[in-house]
């Protein structure tokens, strides 16, 4: 027979309440009904989730009956002094933090430490970011640096599905009676009523002297709570964006190409970086990350906000169980467009054609490999290969309004940002380039695309050396374009007071312009993936007409820089700077 503690632990993992059905205009809708603090709440449940939820509710009631028979008490009204949630205090904290001792810390760790050590502020602190960006690790590192008296006043709370704000409220009152003043609450977004009831934490507990740090998987829930219940009642530390400089400092990796392939997630093995543990080690791993860290994040957050009443135009996708797939498709589409653009540029590149031609010197007729490829057919095939689900496989098609709303949430999650593409002469229509804050995710999806090239019947006729060289050359094009995007994003993040954009002319472009609206001056950049310095790299920077037009609009050009992977030096008025050094300064 199960012990009382085992029964309580299992009951805590299962949902409370019951199921109810409403008929609206001839359609049946299921709702999960629960009662908390004397108030009834009803949360919409998609048809596909009803059987599992019904079974879990039935199992909870059966286990509660067993517990009453065993103890003679109602588990829902226990007056026990034990915590309802999983809470670590005292000696248990020491063993909990032992594995992270000696690990390097993220830059934002100092903000976490400052909040806990400062006088009470009537505000909670939120660690807000996608999975695997170091949130729980920072909580453990914070505990590891505490002195004995601080440790005795600290509690770490791990929440699980099924717990409610009422449970947490009871435990926090118990902690107050024990003299605990620092409470680190992990996975708080698993509480279904967190978004709509989060004000309890600052208004009752932070205002009475507690330092409360919140962390959780569903970062969108925090942003929704911040716009409502926690407005002006919280401080937020964003963890999703991990700059190259931070990646290098924390994980000890200063190679730009490694950052391109794996950047965006804090993968640690002790103090050593292990690419095999990366969330972006393969397309499958990247897709799983998108599902759990992004798509589920959005879906669960919206489901818990206003009793599921704020899905807006995504309601149909959610009710048909297709919202996760839609989010996945939008993310892949962002990266697919990027890849197709790079592939098109590669096909049109004289440099690529020359590389391929050099490989064919042993042939009697050394024609360019790309001359034998139906480029449009390959591009079309890649677009098809990228689709997660064909339109006819979906009950509800993805429309422009769906794309627009999902894009808004991706921006809120700090996953994507836009940088403007400006032109001379100036265009009345603004254009933007979508930057992804996790380069490893983009590289995993983009590089997988290139595998589809092997399906082209002409490429199959090439020998293995030629196929390999062609694939590597296109991957190099992808890395080069990704390096441009990384530099643009990091420059924009580091100097928010300046305008950062791409500037295009009738002939040529500047990969990056940094305009200072205060000083009315600018810097212009070319960004190259090459390790070799060549005057050809600066040809656009040296174009007198394009420079004259730029200075007319954006003021004097104070510096012309080529960012590349070679040594830093000056030559003919051009600064050639190692891109890793530049990113270390920016990050």
Protein backbone atom coordinates (compact mmCIF):
# COMPACT_ATOMS: atom_id res chain seq x y z
CA UNK A 1 0.00 0.00 0.00
CA UNK A 2 1.23 3.52 -0.80
CA UNK A 3 2.25 5.72 2.11
CA UNK A 4 0.50 8.99 2.83
CA UNK A 5 3.50 10.99 1.57
CA UNK A 6 3.57 9.05 -1.69
CA UNK A 7 -0.13 9.65 -2.20
CA UNK A 8 0.20 13.37 -1.47
CA UNK A 9 3.09 13.67 -3.94
CA UNK A 10 1.11 11.96 -6.69
CA UNK A 11 -2.05 13.99 -5.93
CA UNK A 12 -0.03 17.23 -6.19
CA UNK A 13 0.93 16.33 -9.77
CA UNK A 14 -2.68 15.87 -10.90
CA UNK A 15 -5.21 18.61 -11.80
CA UNK A 16 -7.93 19.67 -9.39
CA UNK A 17 -11.57 20.38 -10.19
CA UNK A 18 -13.74 18.82 -12.87
CA UNK A 19 -14.84 19.00 -16.49
CA UNK A 20 -17.93 20.72 -17.81
CA UNK A 21 -19.45 21.07 -21.28
CA UNK A 22 -21.18 24.10 -22.82
CA UNK A 23 -23.23 24.18 -26.03
CA UNK A 24 -22.71 27.38 -28.04
CA UNK A 25 -24.44 27.76 -31.41
CA UNK A 26 -24.67 24.02 -31.79
CA UNK A 27 -21.00 23.44 -30.91
CA UNK A 28 -19.80 21.63 -27.78
CA UNK A 29 -16.97 23.28 -25.81
CA UNK A 30 -15.17 21.67 -22.86
CA UNK A 31 -13.97 23.62 -19.82
CA UNK A 32 -11.82 22.73 -16.81
CA UNK A 33 -13.66 24.06 -13.75
CA UNK A 34 -11.76 24.73 -10.53
CA UNK A 35 -12.57 26.64 -7.34
CA UNK A 36 -9.86 28.74 -5.66
CA UNK A 37 -10.25 31.10 -2.74
CA UNK A 38 -14.01 30.78 -3.07
CA UNK A 39 -13.99 31.80 -6.74
CA UNK A 40 -14.88 29.52 -9.64
CA UNK A 41 -12.66 29.57 -12.75
CA UNK A 42 -13.32 27.87 -16.07
CA UNK A 43 -10.50 27.26 -18.55
CA UNK A 44 -11.21 26.20 -22.14
CA UNK A 45 -9.88 22.73 -23.04
CA UNK A 46 -9.34 21.66 -26.70
CA UNK A 47 -11.22 18.52 -27.75
CA UNK A 48 -7.99 16.54 -28.22
CA UNK A 49 -6.91 17.18 -24.59
CA UNK A 50 -10.20 16.20 -22.95
CA UNK A 51 -9.59 12.41 -22.59
CA UNK A 52 -6.23 12.85 -20.84
CA UNK A 53 -7.50 15.59 -18.52
CA UNK A 54 -10.60 13.56 -17.65
CA UNK A 55 -8.48 10.54 -16.79
CA UNK A 56 -6.12 12.62 -14.60
CA UNK A 57 -9.04 14.21 -12.69
CA UNK A 58 -10.57 10.76 -12.15
CA UNK A 59 -7.24 9.43 -10.86
CA UNK A 60 -6.84 12.37 -8.46
CA UNK A 61 -10.26 11.76 -6.93
CA UNK A 62 -9.47 8.08 -6.51
CA UNK A 63 -6.14 8.85 -4.78
CA UNK A 64 -7.76 11.49 -2.54
CA UNK A 65 -10.26 8.86 -1.42
CA UNK A 66 -7.40 6.48 -0.60
CA UNK A 67 -5.63 9.22 1.37
CA UNK A 68 -8.76 10.03 3.39
CA UNK A 69 -9.16 6.34 4.23
CA UNK A 70 -5.49 6.17 5.25
CA UNK A 71 -5.29 9.36 7.33
CA UNK A 72 -8.90 10.22 8.09
CA UNK A 73 -8.25 13.77 6.78
CA UNK A 74 -9.26 15.70 3.67
CA UNK A 75 -6.06 16.26 1.61
CA UNK A 76 -7.42 19.48 0.23
CA UNK A 77 -7.86 20.98 3.75
CA UNK A 78 -4.77 19.75 5.55
CA UNK A 79 -3.54 22.03 8.30
CA UNK A 80 -0.15 20.32 8.28
CA UNK A 81 2.89 22.49 8.85
CA UNK A 82 4.62 20.85 5.87
CA UNK A 83 4.99 22.76 2.62
CA UNK A 84 2.57 21.95 -0.18
CA UNK A 85 5.16 22.77 -2.86
CA UNK A 86 8.66 21.31 -3.18
CA UNK A 87 10.78 23.61 -0.99
CA UNK A 88 14.50 23.40 -0.24
CA UNK A 89 15.99 25.18 2.77
CA UNK A 90 19.05 24.93 4.98
CA UNK A 91 21.36 21.97 4.33
CA UNK A 92 19.33 20.78 1.35
CA UNK A 93 20.35 23.95 -0.50
CA UNK A 94 24.06 23.17 -0.14
CA UNK A 95 23.85 19.86 -1.99
CA UNK A 96 21.51 21.43 -4.56
CA UNK A 97 24.10 24.02 -5.63
CA UNK A 98 27.24 21.89 -5.39
CA UNK A 99 27.39 20.97 -9.14
CA UNK A 100 27.49 24.61 -10.35
CA UNK A 101 30.35 25.77 -8.12
CA UNK A 102 33.16 27.07 -10.29
CA UNK A 103 30.96 27.67 -13.34
CA UNK A 104 31.33 31.05 -15.01
CA UNK A 105 28.44 33.47 -14.60
CA UNK A 106 26.32 35.33 -17.08
CA UNK A 107 26.67 39.12 -17.22
CA UNK A 108 23.15 39.65 -15.86
CA UNK A 109 24.02 37.65 -12.72
CA UNK A 110 25.14 40.88 -11.05
CA UNK A 111 21.60 42.28 -11.45
CA UNK A 112 20.18 39.23 -9.68
CA UNK A 113 22.70 39.55 -6.88
CA UNK A 114 22.05 43.29 -6.53
CA UNK A 115 18.29 42.74 -6.17
CA UNK A 116 18.64 40.16 -3.40
CA UNK A 117 21.20 42.18 -1.44
CA UNK A 118 19.37 45.52 -1.71
CA UNK A 119 16.67 46.76 0.71
CA UNK A 120 13.12 45.48 -0.01
CA UNK A 121 11.59 47.27 -2.99
CA UNK A 122 7.92 46.15 -3.01
CA UNK A 123 8.76 44.47 -6.32
CA UNK A 124 9.53 40.95 -7.47
CA UNK A 125 12.39 40.12 -9.83
CA UNK A 126 11.74 38.03 -12.95
CA UNK A 127 14.29 35.94 -14.84
CA UNK A 128 12.63 35.94 -18.24
CA UNK A 129 13.99 33.87 -21.13
CA UNK A 130 13.64 30.78 -23.27
CA UNK A 131 14.77 27.34 -22.16
CA UNK A 132 18.48 26.67 -21.71
CA UNK A 133 19.50 30.26 -21.27
CA UNK A 134 20.85 29.81 -17.73
CA UNK A 135 17.95 30.86 -15.49
CA UNK A 136 17.97 27.95 -13.02
CA UNK A 137 21.77 27.86 -13.09
CA UNK A 138 21.88 31.50 -12.00
CA UNK A 139 19.53 30.76 -9.09
CA UNK A 140 21.82 27.96 -7.97
CA UNK A 141 24.91 30.16 -8.38
CA UNK A 142 23.24 32.83 -6.26
CA UNK A 143 22.67 30.34 -3.45
CA UNK A 144 26.24 29.01 -3.81
CA UNK A 145 27.68 32.45 -3.02
CA UNK A 146 25.56 33.06 0.06
CA UNK A 147 27.03 33.22 3.55
CA UNK A 148 25.67 30.93 6.25
CA UNK A 149 23.28 33.49 7.74
CA UNK A 150 21.95 34.37 4.27
CA UNK A 151 21.47 30.69 3.49
CA UNK A 152 19.39 30.24 6.63
CA UNK A 153 17.00 32.96 5.39
CA UNK A 154 16.66 31.53 1.87
CA UNK A 155 14.25 29.04 0.26
CA UNK A 156 14.21 27.54 -3.22
CA UNK A 157 10.75 26.52 -4.48
CA UNK A 158 10.25 24.11 -7.39
CA UNK A 159 6.71 24.16 -8.74
CA UNK A 160 4.98 21.38 -10.68
CA UNK A 161 1.76 21.21 -12.75
CA UNK A 162 -1.33 21.08 -10.56
CA UNK A 163 -0.13 23.54 -7.96
CA UNK A 164 -2.00 26.83 -7.61
CA UNK A 165 -1.36 30.32 -6.30
CA UNK A 166 -3.37 29.32 -3.24
CA UNK A 167 -0.82 26.57 -2.51
CA UNK A 168 2.09 28.98 -3.03
CA UNK A 169 0.38 31.62 -0.89
CA UNK A 170 0.07 29.13 1.99
CA UNK A 171 3.73 28.12 1.69
CA UNK A 172 4.97 31.72 1.56
CA UNK A 173 3.07 32.49 4.77
CA UNK A 174 4.73 29.48 6.35
CA UNK A 175 8.14 30.77 5.17
CA UNK A 176 7.43 34.18 6.71
CA UNK A 177 6.79 32.51 10.06
CA UNK A 178 10.16 30.76 9.74
CA UNK A 179 12.04 34.01 9.11
CA UNK A 180 12.77 33.34 5.41
CA UNK A 181 13.31 36.59 3.49
CA UNK A 182 14.70 35.39 0.14
CA UNK A 183 12.47 33.10 -1.94
CA UNK A 184 13.60 31.79 -5.32
CA UNK A 185 10.60 30.35 -7.17
CA UNK A 186 11.38 28.19 -10.21
CA UNK A 187 8.87 27.07 -12.87
CA UNK A 188 6.26 29.46 -11.48
CA UNK A 189 4.59 29.68 -14.92
CA UNK A 190 3.39 26.08 -14.48
CA UNK A 191 0.76 27.51 -12.14
CA UNK A 192 -2.31 27.91 -14.34
CA UNK A 193 -3.57 31.03 -12.54
CA UNK A 194 -0.19 32.77 -12.29
CA UNK A 195 -0.77 35.39 -15.02
CA UNK A 196 -4.15 36.50 -13.68
CA UNK A 197 -3.19 36.43 -9.99
CA UNK A 198 0.51 37.31 -9.90
CA UNK A 199 -0.06 40.61 -8.05
CA UNK A 200 -0.35 38.55 -4.85
CA UNK A 201 3.44 38.12 -4.79
CA UNK A 202 4.53 41.79 -4.76
CA UNK A 203 1.47 43.22 -2.99
CA UNK A 204 1.46 40.81 -0.06
CA UNK A 205 4.94 39.33 0.29
CA UNK A 206 7.46 41.66 -1.40
CA UNK A 207 5.79 44.64 0.28
CA UNK A 208 6.28 42.97 3.66
CA UNK A 209 10.03 42.61 3.21
CA UNK A 210 10.55 39.46 1.13
CA UNK A 211 12.87 39.32 -1.86
CA UNK A 212 11.06 37.14 -4.40
CA UNK A 213 12.74 35.94 -7.60
CA UNK A 214 10.55 34.29 -10.24
CA UNK A 215 11.77 32.02 -13.01
CA UNK A 216 9.96 29.71 -15.39
CA UNK A 217 9.79 27.93 -18.72
CA UNK A 218 7.01 30.04 -20.25
CA UNK A 219 8.64 33.43 -20.65
CA UNK A 220 5.61 34.78 -22.52
CA UNK A 221 3.59 34.31 -19.31
CA UNK A 222 5.91 36.75 -17.57
CA UNK A 223 5.50 39.33 -20.30
CA UNK A 224 1.71 38.98 -20.18
CA UNK A 225 1.76 39.29 -16.39
CA UNK A 226 4.04 42.32 -16.69
CA UNK A 227 1.47 44.04 -18.89
CA UNK A 228 -1.26 43.36 -16.31
CA UNK A 229 -0.97 42.06 -12.75
CA UNK A 230 2.74 42.87 -12.37
CA UNK A 231 2.72 46.23 -14.11
CA UNK A 232 5.08 48.50 -12.14
CA UNK A 233 5.46 45.72 -9.56
CA UNK A 234 8.46 43.90 -11.02
CA UNK A 235 11.94 44.12 -12.46
CA UNK A 236 12.85 41.92 -15.43
CA UNK A 237 16.16 40.35 -16.42
CA UNK A 238 16.04 39.11 -20.02
CA UNK A 239 18.15 35.99 -20.62
CA UNK A 240 17.24 34.83 -24.16
CA UNK A 241 19.85 36.82 -26.08
CA UNK A 242 23.36 35.51 -25.42
CA UNK A 243 25.95 37.69 -27.16
CA UNK A 244 29.13 36.29 -28.69
CA UNK A 245 31.15 37.99 -25.96
CA UNK A 246 29.10 36.32 -23.22
CA UNK A 247 29.18 32.96 -25.04
CA UNK A 248 32.98 33.25 -25.21
CA UNK A 249 33.46 34.37 -21.62
CA UNK A 250 31.07 31.91 -19.95
CA UNK A 251 31.84 28.83 -22.05
CA UNK A 252 35.43 29.61 -23.03
CA UNK A 253 34.75 29.48 -26.79
CA UNK A 254 36.11 32.42 -28.82
CA UNK A 255 35.58 30.91 -32.27
CA UNK A 256 32.98 32.82 -34.30
CA UNK A 257 32.03 29.76 -36.38
CA UNK A 258 31.25 27.77 -33.23
CA UNK A 259 28.96 30.59 -32.10
CA UNK A 260 27.25 30.56 -35.50
CA UNK A 261 26.61 26.81 -35.19
CA UNK A 262 25.63 26.57 -31.52
CA UNK A 263 25.06 30.08 -30.15
CA UNK A 264 21.86 30.91 -28.32
CA UNK A 265 21.78 28.23 -25.63
CA UNK A 266 23.97 27.81 -22.55
CA UNK A 267 25.15 24.22 -22.88
CA UNK A 268 27.53 23.29 -20.11
CA UNK A 269 29.31 20.17 -18.99
CA UNK A 270 30.97 21.24 -15.77
CA UNK A 271 33.03 24.22 -16.90
CA UNK A 272 33.60 22.77 -20.39
CA UNK A 273 31.54 23.37 -23.49
CA UNK A 274 30.15 20.24 -25.12
CA UNK A 275 28.61 20.74 -28.60
CA UNK A 276 27.01 17.27 -28.44
CA UNK A 277 24.76 18.55 -25.65
CA UNK A 278 23.72 21.62 -27.64
CA UNK A 279 20.03 22.25 -28.27
CA UNK A 280 21.05 22.94 -31.89
CA UNK A 281 23.34 19.96 -32.57
CA UNK A 282 20.98 18.65 -35.27
CA UNK A 283 17.77 19.57 -37.08
CA UNK A 284 15.82 17.14 -34.91
CA UNK A 285 17.21 18.66 -31.71
CA UNK A 286 16.47 22.18 -32.99
CA UNK A 287 12.88 21.22 -33.89
CA UNK A 288 12.37 19.73 -30.43
CA UNK A 289 13.68 22.97 -28.93
CA UNK A 290 11.24 25.02 -31.02
CA UNK A 291 8.34 22.82 -29.88
CA UNK A 292 9.13 22.91 -26.16
CA UNK A 293 10.82 26.29 -25.69
CA UNK A 294 8.83 28.43 -28.10
CA UNK A 295 5.61 26.86 -29.46
CA UNK A 296 4.51 25.29 -26.16
CA UNK A 297 5.60 28.49 -24.40
CA UNK A 298 3.19 30.58 -26.50
CA UNK A 299 0.33 28.08 -26.37
CA UNK A 300 0.46 27.43 -22.61
CA UNK A 301 0.80 31.14 -21.81
CA UNK A 302 -2.20 32.12 -23.92
CA UNK A 303 -4.23 29.24 -22.52
CA UNK A 304 -3.62 30.44 -18.95
CA UNK A 305 -4.23 34.14 -19.67
CA UNK A 306 -7.75 35.41 -19.00
CA UNK A 307 -9.04 31.81 -18.87
CA UNK A 308 -7.90 31.26 -22.45
CA UNK A 309 -9.83 34.26 -23.68
CA UNK A 310 -7.02 36.11 -25.42
CA UNK A 311 -6.06 33.87 -28.33
CA UNK A 312 -7.37 36.53 -30.71
CA UNK A 313 -7.13 35.29 -34.32
CA UNK A 314 -5.21 32.19 -33.19
CA UNK A 315 -8.31 30.70 -31.53
CA UNK A 316 -9.20 28.47 -34.50
CA UNK A 317 -5.67 27.09 -34.74
CA UNK A 318 -5.67 26.37 -31.00
CA UNK A 319 -9.08 24.67 -30.98
CA UNK A 320 -8.01 22.40 -33.86
CA UNK A 321 -4.75 21.47 -32.07
CA UNK A 322 -2.66 23.12 -34.78
CA UNK A 323 -1.21 26.18 -33.03
CA UNK A 324 2.06 24.45 -32.14
CA UNK A 325 2.54 23.38 -35.74
CA UNK A 326 1.71 26.88 -36.95
CA UNK A 327 4.31 28.49 -34.66
CA UNK A 328 6.85 25.94 -35.87
CA UNK A 329 6.04 26.73 -39.48
CA UNK A 330 6.39 30.48 -38.98
CA UNK A 331 9.82 30.08 -37.35
CA UNK A 332 10.98 27.77 -40.10
CA UNK A 333 9.60 30.11 -42.73
CA UNK A 334 11.72 32.95 -41.29
CA UNK A 335 14.81 30.77 -41.60
CA UNK A 336 13.73 29.30 -44.94
CA UNK A 337 13.44 32.73 -46.51
CA UNK A 338 16.89 33.53 -45.18
CA UNK A 339 18.30 30.32 -46.66
CA UNK A 340 16.64 30.72 -50.04
CA UNK A 341 17.95 34.29 -50.22
CA UNK A 342 21.47 33.14 -49.41
CA UNK A 343 21.19 30.23 -51.86
CA UNK A 344 20.05 32.57 -54.62
CA UNK A 345 22.97 34.88 -53.87
CA UNK A 346 25.30 31.89 -53.96
CA UNK A 347 23.95 30.76 -57.32
CA UNK A 348 24.49 34.23 -58.71
CA UNK A 349 27.93 34.68 -57.17
CA UNK A 350 30.85 34.82 -59.57
CA UNK A 351 33.04 33.68 -56.72
CA UNK A 352 31.00 30.49 -56.30
CA UNK A 353 31.03 29.81 -60.02
CA UNK A 354 34.81 30.23 -60.07
CA UNK A 355 35.23 27.81 -57.14
CA UNK A 356 33.14 25.19 -58.84
CA UNK A 357 34.96 25.67 -62.14
CA UNK A 358 38.35 25.16 -60.49
CA UNK A 359 37.15 21.80 -59.19
CA UNK A 360 36.50 20.61 -62.72
CA UNK A 361 39.98 21.13 -64.17
CA UNK A 362 40.30 17.41 -64.79
CA UNK A 363 37.35 17.53 -67.23
CA UNK A 364 37.83 18.11 -70.94
CA UNK A 365 35.07 20.71 -70.94
CA UNK A 366 35.53 22.62 -67.64
CA UNK A 367 32.08 24.15 -67.47
CA UNK A 368 30.73 25.55 -64.23
CA UNK A 369 28.95 22.99 -62.04
CA UNK A 370 26.13 25.46 -61.54
CA UNK A 371 25.57 25.65 -65.29
CA UNK A 372 24.24 22.09 -65.07
CA UNK A 373 21.81 22.80 -62.25
CA UNK A 374 18.22 23.87 -62.74
CA UNK A 375 18.48 26.56 -60.09
CA UNK A 376 14.78 27.37 -60.02
CA UNK A 377 13.88 23.70 -59.67
CA UNK A 378 16.32 23.31 -56.76
CA UNK A 379 14.95 26.45 -55.08
CA UNK A 380 11.35 25.25 -55.50
CA UNK A 381 12.26 21.81 -54.17
CA UNK A 382 13.89 23.34 -51.12
CA UNK A 383 10.79 25.39 -50.40
CA UNK A 384 8.65 22.25 -50.54
CA UNK A 385 11.11 20.27 -48.44
CA UNK A 386 10.93 22.91 -45.72
CA UNK A 387 7.20 22.67 -45.17
CA UNK A 388 6.18 21.16 -41.84
CA UNK A 389 2.70 20.38 -43.13
CA UNK A 390 1.08 20.97 -46.49
CA UNK A 391 -1.89 23.32 -46.50
CA UNK A 392 -4.30 20.51 -47.37
CA UNK A 393 -3.17 18.59 -44.28
CA UNK A 394 -4.32 21.40 -41.99
CA UNK A 395 -7.93 21.85 -40.92
CA UNK A 396 -7.31 25.57 -40.56
CA UNK A 397 -4.98 27.30 -43.03
CA UNK A 398 -2.34 29.74 -41.84
CA UNK A 399 -3.39 33.22 -42.89
CA UNK A 400 -1.52 36.52 -42.87
CA UNK A 401 -3.21 37.59 -39.65
CA UNK A 402 -1.95 34.39 -37.96
CA UNK A 403 1.59 35.10 -39.16
CA UNK A 404 1.39 38.66 -37.90
CA UNK A 405 0.26 37.70 -34.39
CA UNK A 406 2.79 34.87 -34.07
CA UNK A 407 5.53 37.29 -35.19
CA UNK A 408 4.46 39.65 -32.40
CA UNK A 409 4.87 36.88 -29.83
CA UNK A 410 8.26 35.85 -31.24
CA UNK A 411 9.43 39.45 -30.84
CA UNK A 412 8.03 39.52 -27.28
CA UNK A 413 10.05 36.36 -26.55
CA UNK A 414 13.22 38.17 -27.78
CA UNK A 415 13.68 35.50 -30.47
CA UNK A 416 13.55 37.83 -33.46
CA UNK A 417 14.30 41.46 -34.17
CA UNK A 418 14.06 43.57 -37.30
CA UNK A 419 16.81 45.73 -38.77
CA UNK A 420 15.94 48.25 -41.46
CA UNK A 421 17.26 48.05 -45.01
CA UNK A 422 17.53 51.63 -46.28
CA UNK A 423 18.20 52.75 -49.84
CA UNK A 424 19.69 55.67 -51.72
CA UNK A 425 17.72 57.12 -53.41
CA UNK A 426 15.26 56.79 -50.52
CA UNK A 427 12.26 54.51 -50.97
CA UNK A 428 8.85 55.30 -49.51
CA UNK A 429 8.38 51.61 -48.66
CA UNK A 430 10.33 50.40 -45.65
CA UNK A 431 12.02 47.03 -45.83
CA UNK A 432 13.46 44.97 -43.00
CA UNK A 433 15.75 42.03 -42.42
CA UNK A 434 14.67 39.56 -39.71
CA UNK A 435 17.46 38.77 -37.25
CA UNK A 436 17.29 35.67 -35.02
CA UNK A 437 18.80 36.01 -31.55
CA UNK A 438 19.73 32.30 -31.43
CA UNK A 439 22.09 31.72 -34.36
CA UNK A 440 22.38 27.99 -33.62
CA UNK A 441 18.67 27.54 -34.34
CA UNK A 442 18.95 29.31 -37.69
CA UNK A 443 22.09 27.41 -38.69
CA UNK A 444 20.57 24.01 -37.82
CA UNK A 445 17.53 24.66 -40.01
CA UNK A 446 19.49 26.34 -42.81
CA UNK A 447 22.22 23.70 -43.07
CA UNK A 448 19.62 20.93 -43.14
CA UNK A 449 18.19 22.58 -46.25
CA UNK A 450 21.43 22.09 -48.11
CA UNK A 451 21.07 18.33 -47.70
CA UNK A 452 18.14 18.58 -50.10
CA UNK A 453 20.55 19.56 -52.85
CA UNK A 454 21.61 15.92 -53.04
CA UNK A 455 18.14 15.15 -54.40
CA UNK A 456 18.87 17.10 -57.57
CA UNK A 457 19.56 14.53 -60.35
CA UNK A 458 22.33 16.65 -61.88
CA UNK A 459 24.22 16.97 -58.58
CA UNK A 460 23.99 13.20 -58.15
CA UNK A 461 26.06 12.86 -61.33
CA UNK A 462 28.96 14.82 -59.81
CA UNK A 463 31.73 12.97 -58.04
CA UNK A 464 31.95 13.03 -54.26
CA UNK A 465 34.70 15.67 -54.18
CA UNK A 466 32.64 18.03 -56.32
CA UNK A 467 29.45 17.48 -54.33
CA UNK A 468 31.30 18.05 -51.08
CA UNK A 469 32.95 21.24 -52.36
CA UNK A 470 29.65 22.62 -53.61
CA UNK A 471 27.94 21.92 -50.29
CA UNK A 472 30.77 23.49 -48.28
CA UNK A 473 30.81 26.58 -50.48
CA UNK A 474 27.10 27.17 -49.98
CA UNK A 475 27.42 26.57 -46.23
CA UNK A 476 30.19 29.17 -46.25
CA UNK A 477 27.76 31.60 -47.90
CA UNK A 478 25.25 30.86 -45.10
CA UNK A 479 27.90 31.45 -42.44
CA UNK A 480 28.88 34.72 -44.10
CA UNK A 481 25.34 36.03 -44.14
CA UNK A 482 24.77 34.84 -40.57
CA UNK A 483 27.91 36.70 -39.49
CA UNK A 484 26.43 39.87 -40.99
CA UNK A 485 23.22 39.36 -39.01
CA UNK A 486 25.10 38.65 -35.78
CA UNK A 487 27.12 41.86 -36.13
CA UNK A 488 23.99 43.88 -36.92
CA UNK A 489 22.09 42.48 -33.92
CA UNK A 490 24.94 42.89 -31.43
CA UNK A 491 25.70 46.42 -32.61
CA UNK A 492 22.02 47.35 -32.33
CA UNK A 493 21.76 45.85 -28.83
CA UNK A 494 24.99 47.44 -27.58
CA UNK A 495 24.26 50.95 -28.88
CA UNK A 496 20.46 51.38 -28.64
CA UNK A 497 20.82 55.14 -28.89
CA UNK A 498 22.25 54.83 -32.43
CA UNK A 499 20.59 53.85 -35.69
CA UNK A 500 21.91 50.60 -37.15
CA UNK A 501 20.88 49.58 -40.66
CA UNK A 502 21.90 48.17 -44.04
CA UNK A 503 22.33 50.81 -46.77
CA UNK A 504 21.81 49.86 -50.41
CA UNK A 505 22.68 51.81 -53.56
CA UNK A 506 21.92 51.29 -57.23
CA UNK A 507 25.28 49.53 -57.37
CA UNK A 508 26.56 47.94 -54.15
CA UNK A 509 25.69 48.28 -50.47
CA UNK A 510 27.21 48.92 -47.07
CA UNK A 511 26.67 45.81 -44.92
CA UNK A 512 26.18 48.05 -41.88
CA UNK A 513 25.89 51.75 -41.15
CA UNK A 514 25.95 53.07 -37.58
CA UNK A 515 24.49 56.57 -37.44
CA UNK A 516 24.80 58.77 -34.34
CA UNK A 517 21.78 61.17 -34.32
CA UNK A 518 23.37 63.23 -31.52
CA UNK A 519 26.71 63.89 -33.23
CA UNK A 520 25.28 63.73 -36.77
CA UNK A 521 28.02 61.41 -37.99
CA UNK A 522 28.28 57.78 -39.05
CA UNK A 523 30.54 54.75 -39.50
CA UNK A 524 30.33 52.34 -42.43
CA UNK A 525 31.20 48.63 -42.44
CA UNK A 526 31.75 45.66 -44.70
CA UNK A 527 31.41 42.24 -43.00
CA UNK A 528 33.30 39.28 -44.45
CA UNK A 529 33.55 35.67 -43.29
CA UNK A 530 37.03 35.38 -44.84
CA UNK A 531 40.28 35.12 -42.86
CA UNK A 532 42.25 36.71 -45.72
CA UNK A 533 42.58 40.48 -46.08
CA UNK A 534 42.06 41.85 -49.61
CA UNK A 535 41.53 45.34 -51.01
CA UNK A 536 38.55 43.99 -52.95
CA UNK A 537 36.71 43.62 -49.61
CA UNK A 538 36.69 47.42 -49.18
CA UNK A 539 35.63 48.34 -52.71
CA UNK A 540 32.20 49.64 -51.64
CA UNK A 541 33.70 51.58 -48.72
CA UNK A 542 36.11 53.25 -51.16
CA UNK A 543 33.43 54.19 -53.72
CA UNK A 544 33.58 58.03 -53.68
CA UNK A 545 30.05 58.53 -55.04
CA UNK A 546 28.36 56.20 -52.53
CA UNK A 547 30.35 57.78 -49.69
CA UNK A 548 29.34 61.28 -50.86
CA UNK A 549 25.65 60.29 -50.90
CA UNK A 550 25.97 58.71 -47.45
CA UNK A 551 27.59 61.80 -45.93
CA UNK A 552 24.91 64.04 -47.43
CA UNK A 553 22.23 62.09 -45.55
CA UNK A 554 24.02 60.89 -42.40
CA UNK A 555 26.90 63.31 -41.85
CA UNK A 556 30.67 62.81 -41.96
CA UNK A 557 31.96 59.23 -42.16
CA UNK A 558 34.29 58.94 -39.16
CA UNK A 559 35.55 55.43 -39.89
CA UNK A 560 35.49 52.82 -42.64
CA UNK A 561 35.89 49.27 -41.33
CA UNK A 562 36.10 45.79 -42.81
CA UNK A 563 35.18 43.18 -40.19
CA UNK A 564 36.72 39.80 -41.02
CA UNK A 565 38.33 36.84 -39.26
CA UNK A 566 41.95 37.89 -39.81
CA UNK A 567 44.37 40.14 -37.94
CA UNK A 568 43.47 43.73 -37.02
CA UNK A 569 45.38 46.42 -38.93
CA UNK A 570 45.05 49.71 -40.88
CA UNK A 571 45.63 49.96 -44.63
CA UNK A 572 44.90 52.82 -47.07
CA UNK A 573 42.47 54.52 -44.72
CA UNK A 574 40.52 51.30 -44.07
CA UNK A 575 40.50 49.61 -40.68
CA UNK A 576 40.56 45.82 -41.00
CA UNK A 577 39.32 44.52 -37.65
CA UNK A 578 39.01 40.97 -36.39
CA UNK A 579 35.27 40.34 -36.10
CA UNK A 580 35.70 38.35 -32.88
CA UNK A 581 37.47 41.30 -31.25
CA UNK A 582 34.69 43.63 -32.41
CA UNK A 583 31.97 41.35 -31.02
CA UNK A 584 33.80 40.99 -27.71
CA UNK A 585 33.79 44.80 -27.39
CA UNK A 586 30.11 45.04 -28.39
CA UNK A 587 28.96 42.19 -26.13
